[in-house]
Amino acid sequence: KTSEGVPPELLSQFPILEEALQAMGVMVWPMVEFEADDALASAAAKAA
């Protein structure tokens, strides 16, 4: 899977959303090399 077909205007909103969430105090793990699944699995293992 890739981001092919995802509108550029939607992709460009991810950094803005991450900044807004951080400003609200929500923990954000920006996915640069890895995917959300990787973060979920890592967080679950650590929390367990």
All heavy atoms as atom14 arrays in JSON, in Angstrom:
{
  "sequence": "KTSEGVPPELLSQFPILEEALQAMGVMVWPMVEFEADDALASAAAKAA",
  "atom14_mask": [
    [1, 1, 1, 1, 1, 1, 1, 1, 1, 0, 0, 0, 0, 0],
    [1, 1, 1, 1, 1, 1, 1, 0, 0, 0, 0, 0, 0, 0],
    [1, 1, 1, 1, 1, 1, 0, 0, 0, 0, 0, 0, 0, 0],
    [1, 1, 1, 1, 1, 1, 1, 1, 1, 0, 0, 0, 0, 0],
    [1, 1, 1, 1, 0, 0, 0, 0, 0, 0, 0, 0, 0, 0],
    [1, 1, 1, 1, 1, 1, 1, 0, 0, 0, 0, 0, 0, 0],
    [1, 1, 1, 1, 1, 1, 1, 0, 0, 0, 0, 0, 0, 0],
    [1, 1, 1, 1, 1, 1, 1, 0, 0, 0, 0, 0, 0, 0],
    [1, 1, 1, 1, 1, 1, 1, 1, 1, 0, 0, 0, 0, 0],
    [1, 1, 1, 1, 1, 1, 1, 1, 0, 0, 0, 0, 0, 0],
    [1, 1, 1, 1, 1, 1, 1, 1, 0, 0, 0, 0, 0, 0],
    [1, 1, 1, 1, 1, 1, 0, 0, 0, 0, 0, 0, 0, 0],
    [1, 1, 1, 1, 1, 1, 1, 1, 1, 0, 0, 0, 0, 0],
    [1, 1, 1, 1, 1, 1, 1, 1, 1, 1, 1, 0, 0, 0],
    [1, 1, 1, 1, 1, 1, 1, 0, 0, 0, 0, 0, 0, 0],
    [1, 1, 1, 1, 1, 1, 1, 1, 0, 0, 0, 0, 0, 0],
    [1, 1, 1, 1, 1, 1, 1, 1, 0, 0, 0, 0, 0, 0],
    [1, 1, 1, 1, 1, 1, 1, 1, 1, 0, 0, 0, 0, 0],
    [1, 1, 1, 1, 1, 1, 1, 1, 1, 0, 0, 0, 0, 0],
    [1, 1, 1, 1, 1, 0, 0, 0, 0, 0, 0, 0, 0, 0],
    [1, 1, 1, 1, 1, 1, 1, 1, 0, 0, 0, 0, 0, 0],
    [1, 1, 1, 1, 1, 1, 1, 1, 1, 0, 0, 0, 0, 0],
    [1, 1, 1, 1, 1, 0, 0, 0, 0, 0, 0, 0, 0, 0],
    [1, 1, 1, 1, 1, 1, 1, 1, 0, 0, 0, 0, 0, 0],
    [1, 1, 1, 1, 0, 0, 0, 0, 0, 0, 0, 0, 0, 0],
    [1, 1, 1, 1, 1, 1, 1, 0, 0, 0, 0, 0, 0, 0],
    [1, 1, 1, 1, 1, 1, 1, 1, 0, 0, 0, 0, 0, 0],
    [1, 1, 1, 1, 1, 1, 1, 0, 0, 0, 0, 0, 0, 0],
    [1, 1, 1, 1, 1, 1, 1, 1, 1, 1, 1, 1, 1, 1],
    [1, 1, 1, 1, 1, 1, 1, 0, 0, 0, 0, 0, 0, 0],
    [1, 1, 1, 1, 1, 1, 1, 1, 0, 0, 0, 0, 0, 0],
    [1, 1, 1, 1, 1, 1, 1, 0, 0, 0, 0, 0, 0, 0],
    [1, 1, 1, 1, 1, 1, 1, 1, 1, 0, 0, 0, 0, 0],
    [1, 1, 1, 1, 1, 1, 1, 1, 1, 1, 1, 0, 0, 0],
    [1, 1, 1, 1, 1, 1, 1, 1, 1, 0, 0, 0, 0, 0],
    [1, 1, 1, 1, 1, 0, 0, 0, 0, 0, 0, 0, 0, 0],
    [1, 1, 1, 1, 1, 1, 1, 1, 0, 0, 0, 0, 0, 0],
    [1, 1, 1, 1, 1, 1, 1, 1, 0, 0, 0, 0, 0, 0],
    [1, 1, 1, 1, 1, 0, 0, 0, 0, 0, 0, 0, 0, 0],
    [1, 1, 1, 1, 1, 1, 1, 1, 0, 0, 0, 0, 0, 0],
    [1, 1, 1, 1, 1, 0, 0, 0, 0, 0, 0, 0, 0, 0],
    [1, 1, 1, 1, 1, 1, 0, 0, 0, 0, 0, 0, 0, 0],
    [1, 1, 1, 1, 1, 0, 0, 0, 0, 0, 0, 0, 0, 0],
    [1, 1, 1, 1, 1, 0, 0, 0, 0, 0, 0, 0, 0, 0],
    [1, 1, 1, 1, 1, 0, 0, 0, 0, 0, 0, 0, 0, 0],
    [1, 1, 1, 1, 1, 1, 1, 1, 1, 0, 0, 0, 0, 0],
    [1, 1, 1, 1, 1, 0, 0, 0, 0, 0, 0, 0, 0, 0],
    [1, 1, 1, 1, 1, 0, 0, 0, 0, 0, 0, 0, 0, 0]
  ],
  "atom14_positions": [
    [[0.82, -1.22, 0.0], [0.0, 0.0, 0.0], [0.85, 1.27, 0.0], [1.93, 1.31, 0.58], [-0.94, 0.01, 1.2], [-0.23, 0.02, 2.53], [-1.2, -0.09, 3.68], [-0.44, -0.18, 4.98], [-1.3, -0.37, 6.12], [0.0, 0.0, 0.0], [0.0, 0.0, 0.0], [0.0, 0.0, 0.0], [0.0, 0.0, 0.0], [0.0, 0.0, 0.0]],
    [[0.34, 2.27, -0.68], [1.0, 3.57, -0.76], [-0.05, 4.65, -0.56], [-1.24, 4.36, -0.39], [1.66, 3.79, -2.14], [0.62, 3.92, -3.12], [2.61, 2.66, -2.51], [0.0, 0.0, 0.0], [0.0, 0.0, 0.0], [0.0, 0.0, 0.0], [0.0, 0.0, 0.0], [0.0, 0.0, 0.0], [0.0, 0.0, 0.0], [0.0, 0.0, 0.0]],
    [[0.38, 5.88, -0.64], [-0.55, 7.0, -0.54], [-1.1, 7.39, -1.91], [-1.79, 8.4, -2.03], [0.12, 8.2, 0.14], [1.26, 8.58, -0.6], [0.0, 0.0, 0.0], [0.0, 0.0, 0.0], [0.0, 0.0, 0.0], [0.0, 0.0, 0.0], [0.0, 0.0, 0.0], [0.0, 0.0, 0.0], [0.0, 0.0, 0.0], [0.0, 0.0, 0.0]],
    [[-0.81, 6.57, -2.91], [-1.32, 6.85, -4.26], [-2.84, 6.94, -4.22], [-3.52, 6.1, -3.63], [-0.91, 5.74, -5.23], [-1.35, 6.0, -6.65], [-0.92, 4.88, -7.6], [0.03, 4.15, -7.28], [-1.56, 4.78, -8.65], [0.0, 0.0, 0.0], [0.0, 0.0, 0.0], [0.0, 0.0, 0.0], [0.0, 0.0, 0.0], [0.0, 0.0, 0.0]],
    [[-3.36, 7.98, -4.8], [-4.8, 8.17, -4.84], [-5.35, 9.01, -3.69], [-6.5, 9.41, -3.71], [0.0, 0.0, 0.0], [0.0, 0.0, 0.0], [0.0, 0.0, 0.0], [0.0, 0.0, 0.0], [0.0, 0.0, 0.0], [0.0, 0.0, 0.0], [0.0, 0.0, 0.0], [0.0, 0.0, 0.0], [0.0, 0.0, 0.0], [0.0, 0.0, 0.0]],
    [[-4.52, 9.26, -2.67], [-4.96, 10.11, -1.57], [-4.76, 11.56, -2.02], [-3.66, 11.94, -2.44], [-4.15, 9.84, -0.27], [-4.6, 10.77, 0.84], [-4.3, 8.38, 0.14], [0.0, 0.0, 0.0], [0.0, 0.0, 0.0], [0.0, 0.0, 0.0], [0.0, 0.0, 0.0], [0.0, 0.0, 0.0], [0.0, 0.0, 0.0], [0.0, 0.0, 0.0]],
    [[-5.79, 12.37, -1.96], [-5.66, 13.75, -2.43], [-4.55, 14.51, -1.71], [-4.42, 14.4, -0.47], [-7.03, 14.37, -2.1], [-7.96, 13.21, -1.97], [-7.13, 12.07, -1.46], [0.0, 0.0, 0.0], [0.0, 0.0, 0.0], [0.0, 0.0, 0.0], [0.0, 0.0, 0.0], [0.0, 0.0, 0.0], [0.0, 0.0, 0.0], [0.0, 0.0, 0.0]],
    [[-3.71, 15.24, -2.44], [-2.61, 15.98, -1.82], [-3.08, 16.93, -0.73], [-2.4, 17.13, 0.27], [-1.99, 16.76, -2.99], [-2.46, 16.09, -4.22], [-3.75, 15.4, -3.89], [0.0, 0.0, 0.0], [0.0, 0.0, 0.0], [0.0, 0.0, 0.0], [0.0, 0.0, 0.0], [0.0, 0.0, 0.0], [0.0, 0.0, 0.0], [0.0, 0.0, 0.0]],
    [[-4.29, 17.51, -0.91], [-4.78, 18.43, 0.11], [-5.08, 17.71, 1.43], [-4.99, 18.3, 2.5], [-6.0, 19.23, -0.36], [-7.13, 18.45, -0.99], [-6.94, 18.09, -2.46], [-5.97, 18.52, -3.11], [-7.79, 17.34, -2.96], [0.0, 0.0, 0.0], [0.0, 0.0, 0.0], [0.0, 0.0, 0.0], [0.0, 0.0, 0.0], [0.0, 0.0, 0.0]],
    [[-5.4, 16.42, 1.37], [-5.59, 15.63, 2.6], [-4.24, 15.3, 3.22], [-4.04, 15.46, 4.43], [-6.38, 14.37, 2.31], [-6.61, 13.42, 3.48], [-7.41, 14.13, 4.59], [-7.35, 12.17, 3.04], [0.0, 0.0, 0.0], [0.0, 0.0, 0.0], [0.0, 0.0, 0.0], [0.0, 0.0, 0.0], [0.0, 0.0, 0.0], [0.0, 0.0, 0.0]],
    [[-3.29, 14.83, 2.41], [-1.95, 14.5, 2.92], [-1.29, 15.7, 3.58], [-0.61, 15.56, 4.6], [-1.06, 13.98, 1.79], [-1.37, 12.58, 1.26], [-0.53, 12.28, 0.04], [-1.16, 11.53, 2.34], [0.0, 0.0, 0.0], [0.0, 0.0, 0.0], [0.0, 0.0, 0.0], [0.0, 0.0, 0.0], [0.0, 0.0, 0.0], [0.0, 0.0, 0.0]],
    [[-1.51, 16.89, 3.03], [-0.88, 18.09, 3.57], [-1.44, 18.48, 4.94], [-0.84, 19.29, 5.65], [-1.03, 19.26, 2.59], [-2.38, 19.67, 2.51], [0.0, 0.0, 0.0], [0.0, 0.0, 0.0], [0.0, 0.0, 0.0], [0.0, 0.0, 0.0], [0.0, 0.0, 0.0], [0.0, 0.0, 0.0], [0.0, 0.0, 0.0], [0.0, 0.0, 0.0]],
    [[-2.58, 17.91, 5.32], [-3.19, 18.25, 6.6], [-2.63, 17.44, 7.77], [-2.82, 17.82, 8.93], [-4.71, 18.05, 6.52], [-5.38, 19.02, 5.58], [-6.86, 18.77, 5.47], [-7.52, 18.4, 6.42], [-7.4, 18.98, 4.27], [0.0, 0.0, 0.0], [0.0, 0.0, 0.0], [0.0, 0.0, 0.0], [0.0, 0.0, 0.0], [0.0, 0.0, 0.0]],
    [[-1.94, 16.35, 7.5], [-1.42, 15.51, 8.59], [-0.51, 16.28, 9.54], [-0.68, 16.2, 10.76], [-0.73, 14.26, 8.05], [-1.68, 13.24, 7.46], [-1.31, 12.5, 6.36], [-2.94, 13.02, 8.01], [-2.17, 11.56, 5.82], [-3.82, 12.08, 7.47], [-3.43, 11.35, 6.37], [0.0, 0.0, 0.0], [0.0, 0.0, 0.0], [0.0, 0.0, 0.0]],
    [[0.48, 17.02, 9.05], [1.34, 17.77, 9.98], [0.56, 18.8, 10.81], [0.84, 19.0, 11.99], [2.36, 18.47, 9.07], [2.34, 17.69, 7.8], [0.95, 17.15, 7.66], [0.0, 0.0, 0.0], [0.0, 0.0, 0.0], [0.0, 0.0, 0.0], [0.0, 0.0, 0.0], [0.0, 0.0, 0.0], [0.0, 0.0, 0.0], [0.0, 0.0, 0.0]],
    [[-0.43, 19.43, 10.19], [-1.25, 20.41, 10.91], [-2.04, 19.72, 12.02], [-2.13, 20.22, 13.15], [-2.19, 21.14, 9.93], [-1.37, 21.89, 8.88], [-3.14, 22.08, 10.67], [-2.19, 22.35, 7.68], [0.0, 0.0, 0.0], [0.0, 0.0, 0.0], [0.0, 0.0, 0.0], [0.0, 0.0, 0.0], [0.0, 0.0, 0.0], [0.0, 0.0, 0.0]],
    [[-2.6, 18.56, 11.71], [-3.35, 17.8, 12.7], [-2.44, 17.37, 13.86], [-2.82, 17.48, 15.03], [-4.0, 16.58, 12.06], [-4.72, 15.62, 13.02], [-5.86, 16.33, 13.74], [-5.23, 14.4, 12.26], [0.0, 0.0, 0.0], [0.0, 0.0, 0.0], [0.0, 0.0, 0.0], [0.0, 0.0, 0.0], [0.0, 0.0, 0.0], [0.0, 0.0, 0.0]],
    [[-1.24, 16.9, 13.54], [-0.3, 16.49, 14.59], [0.02, 17.66, 15.51], [0.05, 17.5, 16.74], [0.99, 15.93, 13.96], [0.79, 14.58, 13.31], [2.0, 14.1, 12.55], [3.02, 14.83, 12.47], [1.95, 12.98, 12.01], [0.0, 0.0, 0.0], [0.0, 0.0, 0.0], [0.0, 0.0, 0.0], [0.0, 0.0, 0.0], [0.0, 0.0, 0.0]],
    [[0.25, 18.84, 14.94], [0.54, 20.03, 15.76], [-0.65, 20.38, 16.65], [-0.48, 20.71, 17.84], [0.89, 21.22, 14.87], [2.26, 21.13, 14.23], [2.54, 22.32, 13.32], [1.99, 23.42, 13.58], [3.3, 22.14, 12.36], [0.0, 0.0, 0.0], [0.0, 0.0, 0.0], [0.0, 0.0, 0.0], [0.0, 0.0, 0.0], [0.0, 0.0, 0.0]],
    [[-1.85, 20.32, 16.11], [-3.06, 20.65, 16.89], [-3.25, 19.66, 18.04], [-3.57, 20.05, 19.16], [-4.29, 20.66, 15.99], [0.0, 0.0, 0.0], [0.0, 0.0, 0.0], [0.0, 0.0, 0.0], [0.0, 0.0, 0.0], [0.0, 0.0, 0.0], [0.0, 0.0, 0.0], [0.0, 0.0, 0.0], [0.0, 0.0, 0.0], [0.0, 0.0, 0.0]],
    [[-3.04, 18.37, 17.76], [-3.18, 17.36, 18.81], [-2.14, 17.57, 19.91], [-2.47, 17.48, 21.1], [-3.05, 15.96, 18.21], [-4.23, 15.5, 17.35], [-3.87, 14.23, 16.6], [-5.47, 15.3, 18.21], [0.0, 0.0, 0.0], [0.0, 0.0, 0.0], [0.0, 0.0, 0.0], [0.0, 0.0, 0.0], [0.0, 0.0, 0.0], [0.0, 0.0, 0.0]],
    [[-0.9, 17.86, 19.53], [0.14, 18.12, 20.53], [-0.22, 19.33, 21.38], [-0.03, 19.32, 22.59], [1.49, 18.32, 19.85], [2.08, 17.02, 19.34], [3.36, 17.23, 18.55], [3.52, 18.23, 17.86], [4.27, 16.28, 18.65], [0.0, 0.0, 0.0], [0.0, 0.0, 0.0], [0.0, 0.0, 0.0], [0.0, 0.0, 0.0], [0.0, 0.0, 0.0]],
    [[-0.76, 20.37, 20.76], [-1.15, 21.57, 21.5], [-2.26, 21.26, 22.51], [-2.34, 21.91, 23.55], [-1.61, 22.66, 20.53], [0.0, 0.0, 0.0], [0.0, 0.0, 0.0], [0.0, 0.0, 0.0], [0.0, 0.0, 0.0], [0.0, 0.0, 0.0], [0.0, 0.0, 0.0], [0.0, 0.0, 0.0], [0.0, 0.0, 0.0], [0.0, 0.0, 0.0]],
    [[-3.07, 20.24, 22.22], [-4.14, 19.83, 23.13], [-3.62, 18.9, 24.23], [-4.37, 18.51, 25.11], [-5.25, 19.1, 22.35], [-6.0, 20.0, 21.41], [-7.17, 19.12, 20.3], [-7.72, 17.72, 21.2], [0.0, 0.0, 0.0], [0.0, 0.0, 0.0], [0.0, 0.0, 0.0], [0.0, 0.0, 0.0], [0.0, 0.0, 0.0], [0.0, 0.0, 0.0]],
    [[-2.35, 18.51, 24.14], [-1.78, 17.61, 25.14], [-1.89, 16.14, 24.8], [-1.62, 15.28, 25.63], [0.0, 0.0, 0.0], [0.0, 0.0, 0.0], [0.0, 0.0, 0.0], [0.0, 0.0, 0.0], [0.0, 0.0, 0.0], [0.0, 0.0, 0.0], [0.0, 0.0, 0.0], [0.0, 0.0, 0.0], [0.0, 0.0, 0.0], [0.0, 0.0, 0.0]],
    [[-2.28, 15.84, 23.56], [-2.38, 14.46, 23.12], [-1.0, 13.98, 22.67], [-0.29, 14.67, 21.94], [-3.39, 14.32, 21.94], [-3.42, 12.91, 21.4], [-4.78, 14.76, 22.4], [0.0, 0.0, 0.0], [0.0, 0.0, 0.0], [0.0, 0.0, 0.0], [0.0, 0.0, 0.0], [0.0, 0.0, 0.0], [0.0, 0.0, 0.0], [0.0, 0.0, 0.0]],
    [[-0.62, 12.77, 23.13], [0.66, 12.19, 22.72], [0.59, 11.85, 21.23], [-0.33, 11.17, 20.79], [0.96, 10.93, 23.52], [2.19, 10.19, 23.06], [3.73, 11.12, 23.17], [3.98, 11.14, 24.92], [0.0, 0.0, 0.0], [0.0, 0.0, 0.0], [0.0, 0.0, 0.0], [0.0, 0.0, 0.0], [0.0, 0.0, 0.0], [0.0, 0.0, 0.0]],
    [[1.55, 12.33, 20.48], [1.59, 12.1, 19.03], [2.92, 11.44, 18.69], [3.97, 11.91, 19.11], [1.44, 13.43, 18.25], [1.58, 13.2, 16.75], [0.11, 14.08, 18.56], [0.0, 0.0, 0.0], [0.0, 0.0, 0.0], [0.0, 0.0, 0.0], [0.0, 0.0, 0.0], [0.0, 0.0, 0.0], [0.0, 0.0, 0.0], [0.0, 0.0, 0.0]],
    [[2.83, 10.36, 17.95], [4.03, 9.71, 17.43], [3.99, 9.84, 15.92], [3.38, 9.02, 15.24], [4.05, 8.23, 17.79], [4.23, 7.91, 19.23], [4.57, 8.76, 20.22], [4.08, 6.64, 19.84], [4.63, 8.11, 21.4], [4.35, 6.81, 21.2], [3.76, 5.38, 19.36], [4.29, 5.75, 22.1], [3.7, 4.33, 20.26], [3.97, 4.51, 21.6]],
    [[4.61, 10.87, 15.36], [4.59, 11.01, 13.9], [5.25, 9.8, 13.23], [6.32, 9.36, 13.66], [5.4, 12.28, 13.65], [5.42, 13.0, 14.95], [5.34, 11.94, 16.01], [0.0, 0.0, 0.0], [0.0, 0.0, 0.0], [0.0, 0.0, 0.0], [0.0, 0.0, 0.0], [0.0, 0.0, 0.0], [0.0, 0.0, 0.0], [0.0, 0.0, 0.0]],
    [[4.6, 9.27, 12.25], [5.12, 8.11, 11.54], [5.87, 8.59, 10.3], [5.27, 9.09, 9.36], [3.98, 7.16, 11.14], [3.24, 6.55, 12.33], [4.24, 5.37, 13.25], [4.78, 6.35, 14.62], [0.0, 0.0, 0.0], [0.0, 0.0, 0.0], [0.0, 0.0, 0.0], [0.0, 0.0, 0.0], [0.0, 0.0, 0.0], [0.0, 0.0, 0.0]],
    [[7.2, 8.46, 10.36], [8.05, 8.9, 9.27], [8.54, 7.69, 8.48], [8.4, 7.63, 7.27], [9.23, 9.75, 9.8], [10.13, 10.18, 8.67], [8.7, 10.95, 10.57], [0.0, 0.0, 0.0], [0.0, 0.0, 0.0], [0.0, 0.0, 0.0], [0.0, 0.0, 0.0], [0.0, 0.0, 0.0], [0.0, 0.0, 0.0], [0.0, 0.0, 0.0]],
    [[9.14, 6.73, 9.18], [9.63, 5.52, 8.52], [8.69, 4.34, 8.72], [8.73, 3.39, 7.96], [10.99, 5.11, 9.1], [12.09, 6.11, 8.95], [13.34, 5.65, 9.68], [13.66, 4.46, 9.6], [13.97, 6.48, 10.34], [0.0, 0.0, 0.0], [0.0, 0.0, 0.0], [0.0, 0.0, 0.0], [0.0, 0.0, 0.0], [0.0, 0.0, 0.0]],
    [[7.92, 4.38, 9.78], [7.07, 3.26, 10.15], [5.61, 3.65, 9.99], [5.28, 4.78, 9.66], [7.38, 2.83, 11.59], [8.81, 2.42, 11.78], [9.72, 3.28, 12.34], [9.24, 1.18, 11.36], [11.05, 2.92, 12.5], [10.56, 0.79, 11.51], [11.47, 1.67, 12.08], [0.0, 0.0, 0.0], [0.0, 0.0, 0.0], [0.0, 0.0, 0.0]],
    [[4.73, 2.7, 10.22], [3.31, 2.92, 10.03], [2.59, 2.95, 11.37], [3.14, 2.55, 12.39], [2.73, 1.81, 9.16], [3.36, 1.75, 7.78], [2.89, 0.56, 6.97], [1.75, 0.12, 7.17], [3.68, 0.08, 6.15], [0.0, 0.0, 0.0], [0.0, 0.0, 0.0], [0.0, 0.0, 0.0], [0.0, 0.0, 0.0], [0.0, 0.0, 0.0]],
    [[1.34, 3.37, 11.34], [0.55, 3.44, 12.56], [0.46, 2.07, 13.24], [0.52, 1.98, 14.47], [-0.85, 3.96, 12.25], [0.0, 0.0, 0.0], [0.0, 0.0, 0.0], [0.0, 0.0, 0.0], [0.0, 0.0, 0.0], [0.0, 0.0, 0.0], [0.0, 0.0, 0.0], [0.0, 0.0, 0.0], [0.0, 0.0, 0.0], [0.0, 0.0, 0.0]],
    [[0.37, 1.01, 12.45], [0.33, -0.34, 13.03], [1.57, -0.61, 13.88], [1.49, -1.25, 14.92], [0.25, -1.4, 11.93], [-1.09, -1.43, 11.23], [-1.97, -0.64, 11.6], [-1.25, -2.25, 10.32], [0.0, 0.0, 0.0], [0.0, 0.0, 0.0], [0.0, 0.0, 0.0], [0.0, 0.0, 0.0], [0.0, 0.0, 0.0], [0.0, 0.0, 0.0]],
    [[2.71, -0.14, 13.4], [3.96, -0.35, 14.14], [3.91, 0.38, 15.49], [4.33, -0.15, 16.51], [5.16, 0.15, 13.33], [5.28, -0.57, 11.99], [5.18, -1.81, 11.97], [5.48, 0.12, 10.98], [0.0, 0.0, 0.0], [0.0, 0.0, 0.0], [0.0, 0.0, 0.0], [0.0, 0.0, 0.0], [0.0, 0.0, 0.0], [0.0, 0.0, 0.0]],
    [[3.37, 1.6, 15.49], [3.26, 2.37, 16.72], [2.26, 1.72, 17.67], [2.51, 1.62, 18.88], [2.84, 3.81, 16.41], [0.0, 0.0, 0.0], [0.0, 0.0, 0.0], [0.0, 0.0, 0.0], [0.0, 0.0, 0.0], [0.0, 0.0, 0.0], [0.0, 0.0, 0.0], [0.0, 0.0, 0.0], [0.0, 0.0, 0.0], [0.0, 0.0, 0.0]],
    [[1.13, 1.26, 17.14], [0.13, 0.59, 17.98], [0.7, -0.66, 18.63], [0.5, -0.91, 19.83], [-1.11, 0.23, 17.16], [-2.01, 1.37, 16.74], [-3.05, 0.89, 15.74], [-2.69, 1.99, 17.95], [0.0, 0.0, 0.0], [0.0, 0.0, 0.0], [0.0, 0.0, 0.0], [0.0, 0.0, 0.0], [0.0, 0.0, 0.0], [0.0, 0.0, 0.0]],
    [[1.42, -1.46, 17.87], [2.0, -2.69, 18.4], [3.05, -2.38, 19.47], [3.08, -3.03, 20.52], [2.63, -3.51, 17.27], [0.0, 0.0, 0.0], [0.0, 0.0, 0.0], [0.0, 0.0, 0.0], [0.0, 0.0, 0.0], [0.0, 0.0, 0.0], [0.0, 0.0, 0.0], [0.0, 0.0, 0.0], [0.0, 0.0, 0.0], [0.0, 0.0, 0.0]],
    [[3.89, -1.39, 19.21], [4.92, -1.01, 20.18], [4.3, -0.47, 21.46], [4.73, -0.83, 22.57], [5.86, 0.05, 19.58], [6.54, -0.48, 18.48], [0.0, 0.0, 0.0], [0.0, 0.0, 0.0], [0.0, 0.0, 0.0], [0.0, 0.0, 0.0], [0.0, 0.0, 0.0], [0.0, 0.0, 0.0], [0.0, 0.0, 0.0], [0.0, 0.0, 0.0]],
    [[3.3, 0.38, 21.33], [2.64, 0.95, 22.5], [1.93, -0.14, 23.31], [1.98, -0.14, 24.55], [1.65, 2.03, 22.09], [0.0, 0.0, 0.0], [0.0, 0.0, 0.0], [0.0, 0.0, 0.0], [0.0, 0.0, 0.0], [0.0, 0.0, 0.0], [0.0, 0.0, 0.0], [0.0, 0.0, 0.0], [0.0, 0.0, 0.0], [0.0, 0.0, 0.0]],
    [[1.3, -1.08, 22.62], [0.6, -2.17, 23.31], [1.58, -3.04, 24.09], [1.33, -3.39, 25.25], [-0.18, -3.02, 22.31], [0.0, 0.0, 0.0], [0.0, 0.0, 0.0], [0.0, 0.0, 0.0], [0.0, 0.0, 0.0], [0.0, 0.0, 0.0], [0.0, 0.0, 0.0], [0.0, 0.0, 0.0], [0.0, 0.0, 0.0], [0.0, 0.0, 0.0]],
    [[2.71, -3.37, 23.47], [3.71, -4.2, 24.15], [4.27, -3.49, 25.37], [4.44, -4.09, 26.43], [4.83, -4.56, 23.17], [0.0, 0.0, 0.0], [0.0, 0.0, 0.0], [0.0, 0.0, 0.0], [0.0, 0.0, 0.0], [0.0, 0.0, 0.0], [0.0, 0.0, 0.0], [0.0, 0.0, 0.0], [0.0, 0.0, 0.0], [0.0, 0.0, 0.0]],
    [[4.54, -2.2, 25.23], [5.08, -1.43, 26.35], [4.05, -1.31, 27.47], [4.37, -1.49, 28.64], [5.53, -0.05, 25.87], [6.2, 0.75, 26.96], [6.89, 1.98, 26.43], [7.53, 2.69, 27.6], [8.7, 3.4, 27.27], [0.0, 0.0, 0.0], [0.0, 0.0, 0.0], [0.0, 0.0, 0.0], [0.0, 0.0, 0.0], [0.0, 0.0, 0.0]],
    [[2.82, -1.0, 27.13], [1.78, -0.85, 28.14], [1.51, -2.16, 28.88], [1.24, -2.17, 30.07], [0.5, -0.33, 27.5], [0.0, 0.0, 0.0], [0.0, 0.0, 0.0], [0.0, 0.0, 0.0], [0.0, 0.0, 0.0], [0.0, 0.0, 0.0], [0.0, 0.0, 0.0], [0.0, 0.0, 0.0], [0.0, 0.0, 0.0], [0.0, 0.0, 0.0]],
    [[1.62, -3.28, 28.16], [1.37, -4.59, 28.78], [2.4, -4.91, 29.86], [2.12, -5.7, 30.77], [1.35, -5.68, 27.71], [0.0, 0.0, 0.0], [0.0, 0.0, 0.0], [0.0, 0.0, 0.0], [0.0, 0.0, 0.0], [0.0, 0.0, 0.0], [0.0, 0.0, 0.0], [0.0, 0.0, 0.0], [0.0, 0.0, 0.0], [0.0, 0.0, 0.0]]
  ]
}
